[in-house]
């Protein structure tokens, strides 16, 4: 029982360190954050982080790889539910917005720090991103079979630009329903005026 408690505590501590790292990397940029900064953010000495992570770089790798893995797993779960394509697309938009609204630091790091990853991790993240995007593209292609593949690919990049704009527009007036606006914009972008 004590071992389970210790393992759970260690996992929670590790998660807290990753969250703090994500916030600092998003706020200051990966290269501007030192291991001492990371330790100070969670109330430990910088070197204490080495009990959980091999390096600052390993934290960045985990943040970006894990985000792409979670998105891909979420996509696969939604598609496996077998809903009609329009409902599946609406579910995918809602799922991605849940992620983007709850993980703005990850979105910002993804935008700015992907090139900071070592080659193997960079390749893995890009591979997962392509898989995620091509899955969405297949759903939209079934809904809009008349859309040329090249146009559809441009739309997919535009879609994720819209959905991933959350870290930059959550400062809007409280009356502005960011989620509803982004959801509607995404569906209109992909499906045109016939989004319903």
N, C-alpha and C. Protein backbone atom coordinates (compact mmCIF):
# COMPACT_ATOMS: atom_id res chain seq x y z
N UNK A 1 0.82 -1.20 0.00
CA UNK A 1 0.00 0.00 0.00
C UNK A 1 0.87 1.27 0.00
N UNK A 2 1.93 1.26 0.83
CA UNK A 2 2.83 2.41 0.91
C UNK A 2 3.54 2.64 -0.42
N UNK A 3 3.90 1.54 -1.11
CA UNK A 3 4.55 1.65 -2.41
C UNK A 3 3.64 2.32 -3.42
N UNK A 4 2.37 1.93 -3.41
CA UNK A 4 1.39 2.52 -4.32
C UNK A 4 1.24 4.01 -4.05
N UNK A 5 1.17 4.37 -2.77
CA UNK A 5 1.04 5.78 -2.41
C UNK A 5 2.26 6.56 -2.88
N UNK A 6 3.47 5.99 -2.66
CA UNK A 6 4.70 6.67 -3.09
C UNK A 6 4.74 6.84 -4.60
N UNK A 7 4.34 5.80 -5.31
CA UNK A 7 4.34 5.86 -6.78
C UNK A 7 3.36 6.92 -7.26
N UNK A 8 2.20 6.99 -6.61
CA UNK A 8 1.19 7.99 -6.99
C UNK A 8 1.71 9.40 -6.71
N UNK A 9 2.32 9.58 -5.54
CA UNK A 9 2.88 10.89 -5.20
C UNK A 9 3.98 11.30 -6.19
N UNK A 10 4.83 10.35 -6.55
CA UNK A 10 5.90 10.64 -7.50
C UNK A 10 5.32 11.04 -8.85
N UNK A 11 4.28 10.34 -9.28
CA UNK A 11 3.63 10.66 -10.57
C UNK A 11 3.00 12.05 -10.51
N UNK A 12 2.36 12.40 -9.39
CA UNK A 12 1.75 13.73 -9.25
C UNK A 12 2.82 14.82 -9.27
N UNK A 13 3.92 14.56 -8.57
CA UNK A 13 5.01 15.54 -8.52
C UNK A 13 5.58 15.74 -9.92
N UNK A 14 5.78 14.64 -10.62
CA UNK A 14 6.33 14.70 -11.98
C UNK A 14 5.40 15.52 -12.89
N UNK A 15 4.11 15.27 -12.76
CA UNK A 15 3.12 16.00 -13.55
C UNK A 15 3.15 17.49 -13.22
N UNK A 16 3.30 17.81 -11.94
CA UNK A 16 3.39 19.21 -11.52
C UNK A 16 4.62 19.88 -12.13
N UNK A 17 5.73 19.15 -12.17
CA UNK A 17 6.95 19.70 -12.76
C UNK A 17 6.76 19.94 -14.26
N UNK A 18 6.11 19.00 -14.93
CA UNK A 18 5.86 19.17 -16.37
C UNK A 18 4.95 20.36 -16.64
N UNK A 19 3.91 20.52 -15.83
CA UNK A 19 2.99 21.65 -16.00
C UNK A 19 3.74 22.97 -15.83
N UNK A 20 4.58 23.04 -14.80
CA UNK A 20 5.37 24.27 -14.57
C UNK A 20 6.32 24.52 -15.73
N UNK A 21 6.96 23.46 -16.21
CA UNK A 21 7.88 23.61 -17.35
C UNK A 21 7.11 24.11 -18.57
N UNK A 22 5.95 23.52 -18.81
CA UNK A 22 5.14 23.95 -19.95
C UNK A 22 4.80 25.42 -19.86
N UNK A 23 4.44 25.86 -18.67
CA UNK A 23 4.08 27.27 -18.50
C UNK A 23 5.29 28.18 -18.75
N UNK A 24 6.43 27.82 -18.18
CA UNK A 24 7.62 28.65 -18.37
C UNK A 24 8.10 28.63 -19.82
N UNK A 25 8.10 27.46 -20.46
CA UNK A 25 8.51 27.38 -21.86
C UNK A 25 7.60 28.23 -22.74
N UNK A 26 6.30 28.21 -22.44
CA UNK A 26 5.34 28.99 -23.23
C UNK A 26 5.53 30.48 -22.99
N UNK A 27 5.77 30.84 -21.75
CA UNK A 27 5.87 32.25 -21.38
C UNK A 27 7.19 32.89 -21.83
N UNK A 28 8.31 32.18 -21.62
CA UNK A 28 9.63 32.78 -21.86
C UNK A 28 10.34 32.23 -23.09
N UNK A 29 9.95 31.05 -23.53
CA UNK A 29 10.68 30.36 -24.58
C UNK A 29 11.59 29.32 -23.96
N UNK A 30 11.69 28.18 -24.59
CA UNK A 30 12.45 27.05 -24.07
C UNK A 30 13.89 27.44 -23.72
N UNK A 31 14.57 28.12 -24.63
CA UNK A 31 15.99 28.42 -24.43
C UNK A 31 16.24 29.46 -23.34
N UNK A 32 15.22 30.23 -22.99
CA UNK A 32 15.39 31.26 -21.96
C UNK A 32 15.14 30.72 -20.55
N UNK A 33 14.72 29.47 -20.44
CA UNK A 33 14.40 28.89 -19.13
C UNK A 33 15.55 27.98 -18.69
N UNK A 34 16.05 28.21 -17.49
CA UNK A 34 17.13 27.36 -16.96
C UNK A 34 16.55 26.28 -16.06
N UNK A 35 17.35 25.30 -15.76
CA UNK A 35 16.91 24.24 -14.85
C UNK A 35 16.64 24.83 -13.46
N UNK A 36 17.38 25.88 -13.10
CA UNK A 36 17.13 26.56 -11.82
C UNK A 36 15.76 27.26 -11.83
N UNK A 37 15.41 27.87 -12.97
CA UNK A 37 14.08 28.50 -13.11
C UNK A 37 12.99 27.46 -12.92
N UNK A 38 13.19 26.29 -13.53
CA UNK A 38 12.19 25.23 -13.43
C UNK A 38 12.04 24.76 -11.98
N UNK A 39 13.18 24.58 -11.30
CA UNK A 39 13.12 24.17 -9.90
C UNK A 39 12.42 25.21 -9.04
N UNK A 40 12.78 26.48 -9.24
CA UNK A 40 12.18 27.56 -8.45
C UNK A 40 10.66 27.62 -8.65
N UNK A 41 10.20 27.31 -9.85
CA UNK A 41 8.77 27.37 -10.14
C UNK A 41 7.97 26.35 -9.34
N UNK A 42 8.64 25.27 -8.92
CA UNK A 42 7.92 24.24 -8.15
C UNK A 42 8.47 24.11 -6.73
N UNK A 43 9.34 25.04 -6.34
CA UNK A 43 9.81 25.07 -4.97
C UNK A 43 10.86 24.04 -4.61
N UNK A 44 11.66 23.64 -5.59
CA UNK A 44 12.77 22.71 -5.31
C UNK A 44 14.03 23.27 -5.95
N UNK A 45 15.17 22.69 -5.64
CA UNK A 45 16.39 23.11 -6.31
C UNK A 45 16.34 22.57 -7.74
N UNK A 46 16.95 23.28 -8.66
CA UNK A 46 16.96 22.83 -10.05
C UNK A 46 17.44 21.40 -10.20
N UNK A 47 18.57 21.03 -9.59
CA UNK A 47 19.07 19.67 -9.73
C UNK A 47 18.10 18.60 -9.21
N UNK A 48 17.19 18.95 -8.30
CA UNK A 48 16.22 17.96 -7.80
C UNK A 48 15.34 17.43 -8.93
N UNK A 49 15.19 18.22 -9.99
CA UNK A 49 14.37 17.77 -11.13
C UNK A 49 15.00 16.56 -11.82
N UNK A 50 16.32 16.40 -11.67
CA UNK A 50 16.99 15.28 -12.31
C UNK A 50 16.59 13.94 -11.69
N UNK A 51 15.90 13.98 -10.56
CA UNK A 51 15.35 12.75 -9.99
C UNK A 51 14.16 12.26 -10.82
N UNK A 52 13.61 13.13 -11.65
CA UNK A 52 12.42 12.80 -12.43
C UNK A 52 12.65 12.88 -13.93
N UNK A 53 13.58 13.72 -14.35
CA UNK A 53 13.83 13.92 -15.78
C UNK A 53 15.33 13.93 -16.05
N UNK A 54 15.72 13.39 -17.17
CA UNK A 54 17.14 13.34 -17.52
C UNK A 54 17.70 14.73 -17.80
N UNK A 55 16.85 15.63 -18.30
CA UNK A 55 17.31 16.96 -18.70
C UNK A 55 16.11 17.86 -18.95
N UNK A 56 16.41 19.12 -19.13
CA UNK A 56 15.37 20.08 -19.54
C UNK A 56 14.79 19.66 -20.89
N UNK A 57 15.67 19.21 -21.77
CA UNK A 57 15.23 18.77 -23.10
C UNK A 57 14.26 17.60 -23.00
N UNK A 58 14.50 16.70 -22.06
CA UNK A 58 13.58 15.55 -21.92
C UNK A 58 12.19 16.01 -21.49
N UNK A 59 12.12 17.12 -20.77
CA UNK A 59 10.82 17.68 -20.39
C UNK A 59 10.09 18.20 -21.62
N UNK A 60 10.81 18.91 -22.47
CA UNK A 60 10.21 19.42 -23.70
C UNK A 60 9.74 18.27 -24.59
N UNK A 61 10.57 17.25 -24.71
CA UNK A 61 10.20 16.08 -25.51
C UNK A 61 8.91 15.46 -24.99
N UNK A 62 8.85 15.27 -23.68
CA UNK A 62 7.65 14.64 -23.10
C UNK A 62 6.42 15.52 -23.29
N UNK A 63 6.56 16.81 -23.09
CA UNK A 63 5.41 17.70 -23.26
C UNK A 63 4.82 17.60 -24.67
N UNK A 64 5.68 17.69 -25.68
CA UNK A 64 5.19 17.72 -27.06
C UNK A 64 4.80 16.34 -27.57
N UNK A 65 5.55 15.32 -27.21
CA UNK A 65 5.21 13.97 -27.66
C UNK A 65 3.92 13.51 -27.02
N UNK A 66 3.81 13.73 -25.73
CA UNK A 66 2.60 13.29 -25.02
C UNK A 66 1.35 14.02 -25.54
N UNK A 67 1.48 15.30 -25.87
CA UNK A 67 0.33 16.03 -26.41
C UNK A 67 -0.11 15.42 -27.73
N UNK A 68 0.82 15.13 -28.61
CA UNK A 68 0.48 14.54 -29.91
C UNK A 68 -0.10 13.14 -29.74
N UNK A 69 0.42 12.39 -28.80
CA UNK A 69 -0.11 11.04 -28.54
C UNK A 69 -1.54 11.11 -28.01
N UNK A 70 -1.80 12.05 -27.11
CA UNK A 70 -3.16 12.20 -26.57
C UNK A 70 -4.15 12.61 -27.64
N UNK A 71 -3.73 13.53 -28.51
CA UNK A 71 -4.62 13.96 -29.59
C UNK A 71 -4.92 12.79 -30.54
N UNK A 72 -3.90 12.05 -30.91
CA UNK A 72 -4.10 10.92 -31.81
C UNK A 72 -5.00 9.86 -31.17
N UNK A 73 -4.77 9.56 -29.90
CA UNK A 73 -5.61 8.58 -29.20
C UNK A 73 -7.06 9.06 -29.13
N UNK A 74 -7.25 10.36 -28.88
CA UNK A 74 -8.60 10.91 -28.83
C UNK A 74 -9.31 10.80 -30.17
N UNK A 75 -8.57 11.10 -31.24
CA UNK A 75 -9.13 10.95 -32.58
C UNK A 75 -9.58 9.51 -32.82
N UNK A 76 -8.71 8.57 -32.51
CA UNK A 76 -9.02 7.15 -32.75
C UNK A 76 -10.23 6.70 -31.95
N UNK A 77 -10.35 7.18 -30.72
CA UNK A 77 -11.50 6.82 -29.89
C UNK A 77 -12.80 7.35 -30.50
N UNK A 78 -12.79 8.59 -30.95
CA UNK A 78 -13.99 9.18 -31.53
C UNK A 78 -14.40 8.43 -32.80
N UNK A 79 -13.45 8.15 -33.66
CA UNK A 79 -13.77 7.45 -34.91
C UNK A 79 -14.26 6.03 -34.63
N UNK A 80 -13.71 5.40 -33.62
CA UNK A 80 -14.11 4.02 -33.28
C UNK A 80 -15.55 3.96 -32.77
N UNK A 81 -16.08 5.08 -32.31
CA UNK A 81 -17.47 5.10 -31.83
C UNK A 81 -18.46 4.86 -32.96
N UNK A 82 -18.02 5.07 -34.20
CA UNK A 82 -18.85 4.75 -35.35
C UNK A 82 -20.00 5.70 -35.64
N UNK A 83 -19.93 6.92 -35.15
CA UNK A 83 -20.98 7.91 -35.44
C UNK A 83 -20.94 8.28 -36.91
N UNK A 84 -22.05 8.76 -37.47
CA UNK A 84 -22.02 9.27 -38.84
C UNK A 84 -20.96 10.36 -38.97
N UNK A 85 -20.45 10.53 -40.18
CA UNK A 85 -19.31 11.42 -40.38
C UNK A 85 -19.52 12.84 -39.87
N UNK A 86 -20.71 13.41 -40.09
CA UNK A 86 -20.93 14.78 -39.62
C UNK A 86 -20.85 14.84 -38.10
N UNK A 87 -21.47 13.89 -37.43
CA UNK A 87 -21.40 13.86 -35.97
C UNK A 87 -19.97 13.61 -35.49
N UNK A 88 -19.27 12.72 -36.19
CA UNK A 88 -17.87 12.45 -35.84
C UNK A 88 -17.04 13.73 -35.97
N UNK A 89 -17.27 14.48 -37.04
CA UNK A 89 -16.52 15.73 -37.23
C UNK A 89 -16.85 16.72 -36.12
N UNK A 90 -18.11 16.85 -35.78
CA UNK A 90 -18.49 17.75 -34.68
C UNK A 90 -17.83 17.31 -33.37
N UNK A 91 -17.79 15.99 -33.15
CA UNK A 91 -17.15 15.46 -31.94
C UNK A 91 -15.65 15.74 -31.96
N UNK A 92 -15.03 15.64 -33.13
CA UNK A 92 -13.60 15.93 -33.25
C UNK A 92 -13.31 17.40 -32.96
N UNK A 93 -14.14 18.28 -33.48
CA UNK A 93 -13.95 19.71 -33.22
C UNK A 93 -14.08 19.97 -31.72
N UNK A 94 -15.11 19.40 -31.09
CA UNK A 94 -15.29 19.60 -29.65
C UNK A 94 -14.10 19.04 -28.86
N UNK A 95 -13.63 17.87 -29.26
CA UNK A 95 -12.48 17.25 -28.59
C UNK A 95 -11.24 18.12 -28.71
N UNK A 96 -10.96 18.60 -29.92
CA UNK A 96 -9.76 19.41 -30.11
C UNK A 96 -9.87 20.73 -29.35
N UNK A 97 -11.06 21.30 -29.34
CA UNK A 97 -11.24 22.54 -28.58
C UNK A 97 -11.07 22.31 -27.08
N UNK A 98 -11.54 21.16 -26.58
CA UNK A 98 -11.30 20.85 -25.16
C UNK A 98 -9.80 20.88 -24.88
N UNK A 99 -9.04 20.25 -25.77
CA UNK A 99 -7.59 20.22 -25.59
C UNK A 99 -7.00 21.62 -25.68
N UNK A 100 -7.35 22.34 -26.74
CA UNK A 100 -6.75 23.66 -26.98
C UNK A 100 -7.10 24.66 -25.87
N UNK A 101 -8.31 24.58 -25.35
CA UNK A 101 -8.71 25.51 -24.30
C UNK A 101 -8.11 25.15 -22.94
N UNK A 102 -7.85 23.87 -22.72
CA UNK A 102 -7.29 23.46 -21.44
C UNK A 102 -5.76 23.41 -21.45
N UNK A 103 -5.15 23.43 -22.63
CA UNK A 103 -3.70 23.31 -22.74
C UNK A 103 -3.08 24.45 -23.59
N UNK A 104 -3.40 25.70 -23.27
CA UNK A 104 -2.87 26.79 -24.11
C UNK A 104 -1.35 26.85 -24.12
N UNK A 105 -0.72 26.46 -23.01
CA UNK A 105 0.75 26.48 -22.99
C UNK A 105 1.32 25.49 -23.99
N UNK A 106 0.72 24.32 -24.09
CA UNK A 106 1.19 23.31 -25.03
C UNK A 106 1.04 23.80 -26.47
N UNK A 107 -0.07 24.46 -26.76
CA UNK A 107 -0.28 25.01 -28.10
C UNK A 107 0.82 26.02 -28.42
N UNK A 108 1.13 26.89 -27.49
CA UNK A 108 2.17 27.90 -27.72
C UNK A 108 3.55 27.27 -27.88
N UNK A 109 3.85 26.26 -27.06
CA UNK A 109 5.14 25.58 -27.18
C UNK A 109 5.23 24.88 -28.53
N UNK A 110 4.15 24.24 -28.92
CA UNK A 110 4.12 23.55 -30.21
C UNK A 110 4.42 24.53 -31.34
N UNK A 111 3.82 25.70 -31.27
CA UNK A 111 4.03 26.72 -32.31
C UNK A 111 5.48 27.16 -32.40
N UNK A 112 6.12 27.32 -31.22
CA UNK A 112 7.43 27.97 -31.20
C UNK A 112 8.63 27.05 -30.99
N UNK A 113 8.42 25.89 -30.40
CA UNK A 113 9.58 25.11 -29.95
C UNK A 113 9.75 23.75 -30.62
N UNK A 114 8.94 23.42 -31.58
CA UNK A 114 9.07 22.12 -32.24
C UNK A 114 10.48 21.93 -32.79
N UNK A 115 11.05 22.98 -33.34
CA UNK A 115 12.40 22.89 -33.91
C UNK A 115 13.47 22.68 -32.84
N UNK A 116 13.14 22.92 -31.58
CA UNK A 116 14.11 22.71 -30.50
C UNK A 116 14.24 21.24 -30.11
N UNK A 117 13.31 20.41 -30.59
CA UNK A 117 13.39 18.99 -30.27
C UNK A 117 14.54 18.34 -31.02
N UNK A 118 15.18 17.33 -30.42
CA UNK A 118 16.18 16.57 -31.18
C UNK A 118 15.50 15.83 -32.33
N UNK A 119 16.28 15.44 -33.32
CA UNK A 119 15.73 14.93 -34.58
C UNK A 119 14.74 13.78 -34.40
N UNK A 120 15.07 12.82 -33.56
CA UNK A 120 14.19 11.65 -33.41
C UNK A 120 12.84 12.03 -32.81
N UNK A 121 12.86 12.86 -31.77
CA UNK A 121 11.61 13.31 -31.14
C UNK A 121 10.82 14.20 -32.10
N UNK A 122 11.52 15.07 -32.82
CA UNK A 122 10.87 15.93 -33.80
C UNK A 122 10.15 15.09 -34.85
N UNK A 123 10.83 14.05 -35.33
CA UNK A 123 10.24 13.16 -36.32
C UNK A 123 8.99 12.48 -35.76
N UNK A 124 9.06 12.01 -34.52
CA UNK A 124 7.93 11.33 -33.89
C UNK A 124 6.72 12.27 -33.77
N UNK A 125 6.96 13.48 -33.30
CA UNK A 125 5.86 14.44 -33.13
C UNK A 125 5.25 14.77 -34.49
N UNK A 126 6.09 15.02 -35.49
CA UNK A 126 5.56 15.35 -36.82
C UNK A 126 4.79 14.16 -37.42
N UNK A 127 5.27 12.96 -37.18
CA UNK A 127 4.58 11.76 -37.66
C UNK A 127 3.18 11.66 -37.03
N UNK A 128 3.10 11.89 -35.72
CA UNK A 128 1.80 11.86 -35.04
C UNK A 128 0.89 12.98 -35.55
N UNK A 129 1.45 14.15 -35.78
CA UNK A 129 0.65 15.27 -36.30
C UNK A 129 0.08 14.94 -37.68
N UNK A 130 0.92 14.35 -38.54
CA UNK A 130 0.43 13.97 -39.88
C UNK A 130 -0.68 12.94 -39.79
N UNK A 131 -0.50 11.98 -38.89
CA UNK A 131 -1.51 10.94 -38.70
C UNK A 131 -2.84 11.56 -38.23
N UNK A 132 -2.74 12.47 -37.29
CA UNK A 132 -3.92 13.15 -36.75
C UNK A 132 -4.62 13.95 -37.85
N UNK A 133 -3.85 14.74 -38.58
CA UNK A 133 -4.43 15.58 -39.63
C UNK A 133 -5.02 14.73 -40.75
N UNK A 134 -4.33 13.68 -41.15
CA UNK A 134 -4.85 12.87 -42.26
C UNK A 134 -6.12 12.13 -41.84
N UNK A 135 -6.23 11.79 -40.55
CA UNK A 135 -7.47 11.19 -40.06
C UNK A 135 -8.65 12.14 -40.19
N UNK A 136 -8.45 13.37 -39.77
CA UNK A 136 -9.48 14.39 -39.93
C UNK A 136 -9.81 14.57 -41.41
N UNK A 137 -8.77 14.64 -42.21
CA UNK A 137 -8.96 14.88 -43.64
C UNK A 137 -9.82 13.78 -44.27
N UNK A 138 -9.64 12.55 -43.84
CA UNK A 138 -10.43 11.44 -44.38
C UNK A 138 -11.91 11.61 -44.04
N UNK A 139 -12.19 12.06 -42.82
CA UNK A 139 -13.58 12.28 -42.41
C UNK A 139 -14.20 13.38 -43.27
N UNK A 140 -13.48 14.49 -43.43
CA UNK A 140 -14.01 15.62 -44.21
C UNK A 140 -14.14 15.23 -45.68
N UNK A 141 -13.22 14.44 -46.20
CA UNK A 141 -13.29 14.02 -47.61
C UNK A 141 -14.55 13.21 -47.88
N UNK A 142 -14.98 12.43 -46.91
CA UNK A 142 -16.23 11.67 -47.09
C UNK A 142 -17.43 12.59 -47.08
N UNK A 143 -17.36 13.67 -46.32
CA UNK A 143 -18.47 14.62 -46.26
C UNK A 143 -18.48 15.55 -47.48
N UNK A 144 -17.31 15.82 -48.02
CA UNK A 144 -17.18 16.72 -49.17
C UNK A 144 -16.33 16.05 -50.24
N UNK A 145 -16.86 14.97 -50.86
CA UNK A 145 -16.05 14.23 -51.84
C UNK A 145 -15.69 15.04 -53.08
N UNK A 146 -16.40 16.15 -53.31
CA UNK A 146 -16.13 16.99 -54.48
C UNK A 146 -14.95 17.94 -54.26
N UNK A 147 -14.41 18.01 -53.03
CA UNK A 147 -13.30 18.92 -52.74
C UNK A 147 -11.99 18.29 -53.18
N UNK A 148 -11.23 18.97 -54.06
CA UNK A 148 -9.92 18.43 -54.47
C UNK A 148 -9.00 18.22 -53.27
N UNK A 149 -8.17 17.19 -53.33
CA UNK A 149 -7.29 16.83 -52.21
C UNK A 149 -6.39 17.99 -51.81
N UNK A 150 -5.85 18.72 -52.79
CA UNK A 150 -4.94 19.84 -52.47
C UNK A 150 -5.68 20.93 -51.71
N UNK A 151 -6.92 21.21 -52.11
CA UNK A 151 -7.72 22.22 -51.43
C UNK A 151 -8.05 21.76 -50.01
N UNK A 152 -8.35 20.49 -49.90
CA UNK A 152 -8.69 19.93 -48.59
C UNK A 152 -7.49 20.02 -47.63
N UNK A 153 -6.31 19.79 -48.16
CA UNK A 153 -5.12 19.89 -47.31
C UNK A 153 -4.91 21.32 -46.81
N UNK A 154 -5.13 22.29 -47.69
CA UNK A 154 -5.03 23.70 -47.27
C UNK A 154 -6.07 23.98 -46.19
N UNK A 155 -7.27 23.47 -46.38
CA UNK A 155 -8.33 23.69 -45.38
C UNK A 155 -7.95 23.08 -44.04
N UNK A 156 -7.30 21.92 -44.06
CA UNK A 156 -6.92 21.28 -42.81
C UNK A 156 -5.91 22.14 -42.05
N UNK A 157 -4.94 22.70 -42.75
CA UNK A 157 -3.97 23.58 -42.09
C UNK A 157 -4.67 24.83 -41.53
N UNK A 158 -5.61 25.36 -42.30
CA UNK A 158 -6.36 26.53 -41.84
C UNK A 158 -7.21 26.16 -40.61
N UNK A 159 -7.80 24.98 -40.65
CA UNK A 159 -8.61 24.51 -39.53
C UNK A 159 -7.82 24.53 -38.23
N UNK A 160 -6.62 23.93 -38.26
CA UNK A 160 -5.85 23.86 -37.03
C UNK A 160 -5.31 25.23 -36.63
N UNK A 161 -5.14 26.12 -37.59
CA UNK A 161 -4.81 27.50 -37.25
C UNK A 161 -5.94 28.14 -36.46
N UNK A 162 -7.18 27.87 -36.88
CA UNK A 162 -8.35 28.41 -36.17
C UNK A 162 -8.46 27.78 -34.78
N UNK A 163 -8.46 26.45 -34.73
CA UNK A 163 -8.67 25.77 -33.45
C UNK A 163 -7.54 26.05 -32.45
N UNK A 164 -6.33 26.18 -32.96
CA UNK A 164 -5.19 26.40 -32.07
C UNK A 164 -4.93 27.88 -31.79
N UNK A 165 -5.87 28.73 -32.15
CA UNK A 165 -5.73 30.16 -31.85
C UNK A 165 -6.12 30.47 -30.41
N UNK A 166 -6.56 29.46 -29.67
CA UNK A 166 -7.08 29.69 -28.31
C UNK A 166 -6.13 30.42 -27.38
N UNK A 167 -4.83 30.15 -27.39
CA UNK A 167 -3.98 30.89 -26.44
C UNK A 167 -3.93 32.39 -26.72
N UNK A 168 -4.33 32.76 -27.92
CA UNK A 168 -4.21 34.16 -28.33
C UNK A 168 -5.54 34.90 -28.28
N UNK A 169 -6.65 34.19 -28.07
CA UNK A 169 -7.93 34.89 -28.06
C UNK A 169 -8.76 34.65 -26.82
N UNK A 170 -8.21 33.99 -25.81
CA UNK A 170 -8.98 33.79 -24.59
C UNK A 170 -9.09 35.08 -23.77
N UNK A 171 -8.42 36.14 -24.22
CA UNK A 171 -8.51 37.42 -23.53
C UNK A 171 -9.71 38.24 -24.02
N UNK A 172 -10.53 37.64 -24.88
CA UNK A 172 -11.69 38.36 -25.38
C UNK A 172 -12.66 38.68 -24.26
N UNK A 173 -13.60 39.56 -24.55
CA UNK A 173 -14.64 39.92 -23.59
C UNK A 173 -15.30 38.65 -23.05
N UNK A 174 -15.63 38.64 -21.77
CA UNK A 174 -16.29 37.45 -21.20
C UNK A 174 -17.56 37.07 -21.94
N UNK A 175 -18.22 38.04 -22.56
CA UNK A 175 -19.46 37.73 -23.27
C UNK A 175 -19.21 36.99 -24.58
N UNK A 176 -17.98 37.06 -25.06
CA UNK A 176 -17.66 36.36 -26.32
C UNK A 176 -17.45 34.88 -26.01
N UNK A 177 -18.27 34.03 -26.61
CA UNK A 177 -18.16 32.59 -26.39
C UNK A 177 -17.13 32.05 -27.37
N UNK A 178 -15.87 32.05 -26.94
CA UNK A 178 -14.76 31.66 -27.80
C UNK A 178 -14.98 30.26 -28.37
N UNK A 179 -15.40 29.36 -27.52
CA UNK A 179 -15.61 27.98 -27.95
C UNK A 179 -16.64 27.89 -29.08
N UNK A 180 -17.78 28.56 -28.91
CA UNK A 180 -18.83 28.50 -29.92
C UNK A 180 -18.37 29.14 -31.23
N UNK A 181 -17.67 30.27 -31.12
CA UNK A 181 -17.19 30.97 -32.32
C UNK A 181 -16.20 30.08 -33.08
N UNK A 182 -15.25 29.48 -32.36
CA UNK A 182 -14.24 28.65 -33.01
C UNK A 182 -14.86 27.38 -33.59
N UNK A 183 -15.80 26.80 -32.88
CA UNK A 183 -16.46 25.59 -33.37
C UNK A 183 -17.22 25.87 -34.66
N UNK A 184 -18.00 26.94 -34.66
CA UNK A 184 -18.75 27.31 -35.86
C UNK A 184 -17.81 27.65 -37.02
N UNK A 185 -16.76 28.40 -36.71
CA UNK A 185 -15.80 28.79 -37.75
C UNK A 185 -15.13 27.56 -38.36
N UNK A 186 -14.77 26.59 -37.53
CA UNK A 186 -14.12 25.38 -38.01
C UNK A 186 -15.04 24.60 -38.94
N UNK A 187 -16.29 24.44 -38.57
CA UNK A 187 -17.23 23.65 -39.37
C UNK A 187 -17.55 24.37 -40.69
N UNK A 188 -17.71 25.68 -40.64
CA UNK A 188 -17.97 26.43 -41.87
C UNK A 188 -16.75 26.37 -42.79
N UNK A 189 -15.56 26.48 -42.22
CA UNK A 189 -14.33 26.40 -43.00
C UNK A 189 -14.25 25.06 -43.75
N UNK A 190 -14.59 23.98 -43.08
CA UNK A 190 -14.46 22.66 -43.68
C UNK A 190 -15.64 22.29 -44.58
N UNK A 191 -16.83 22.71 -44.17
CA UNK A 191 -18.02 22.23 -44.88
C UNK A 191 -18.74 23.31 -45.67
N UNK A 192 -18.32 24.54 -45.53
CA UNK A 192 -19.00 25.63 -46.23
C UNK A 192 -20.27 26.00 -45.51
N UNK A 193 -21.17 26.66 -46.20
CA UNK A 193 -22.40 27.13 -45.56
C UNK A 193 -23.32 25.97 -45.23
N UNK A 194 -23.01 24.77 -45.74
CA UNK A 194 -23.86 23.62 -45.48
C UNK A 194 -23.36 22.84 -44.26
N UNK A 195 -22.81 23.55 -43.28
CA UNK A 195 -22.21 22.88 -42.12
C UNK A 195 -23.22 22.13 -41.29
N UNK A 196 -24.50 22.39 -41.48
CA UNK A 196 -25.50 21.62 -40.76
C UNK A 196 -26.04 20.55 -41.67
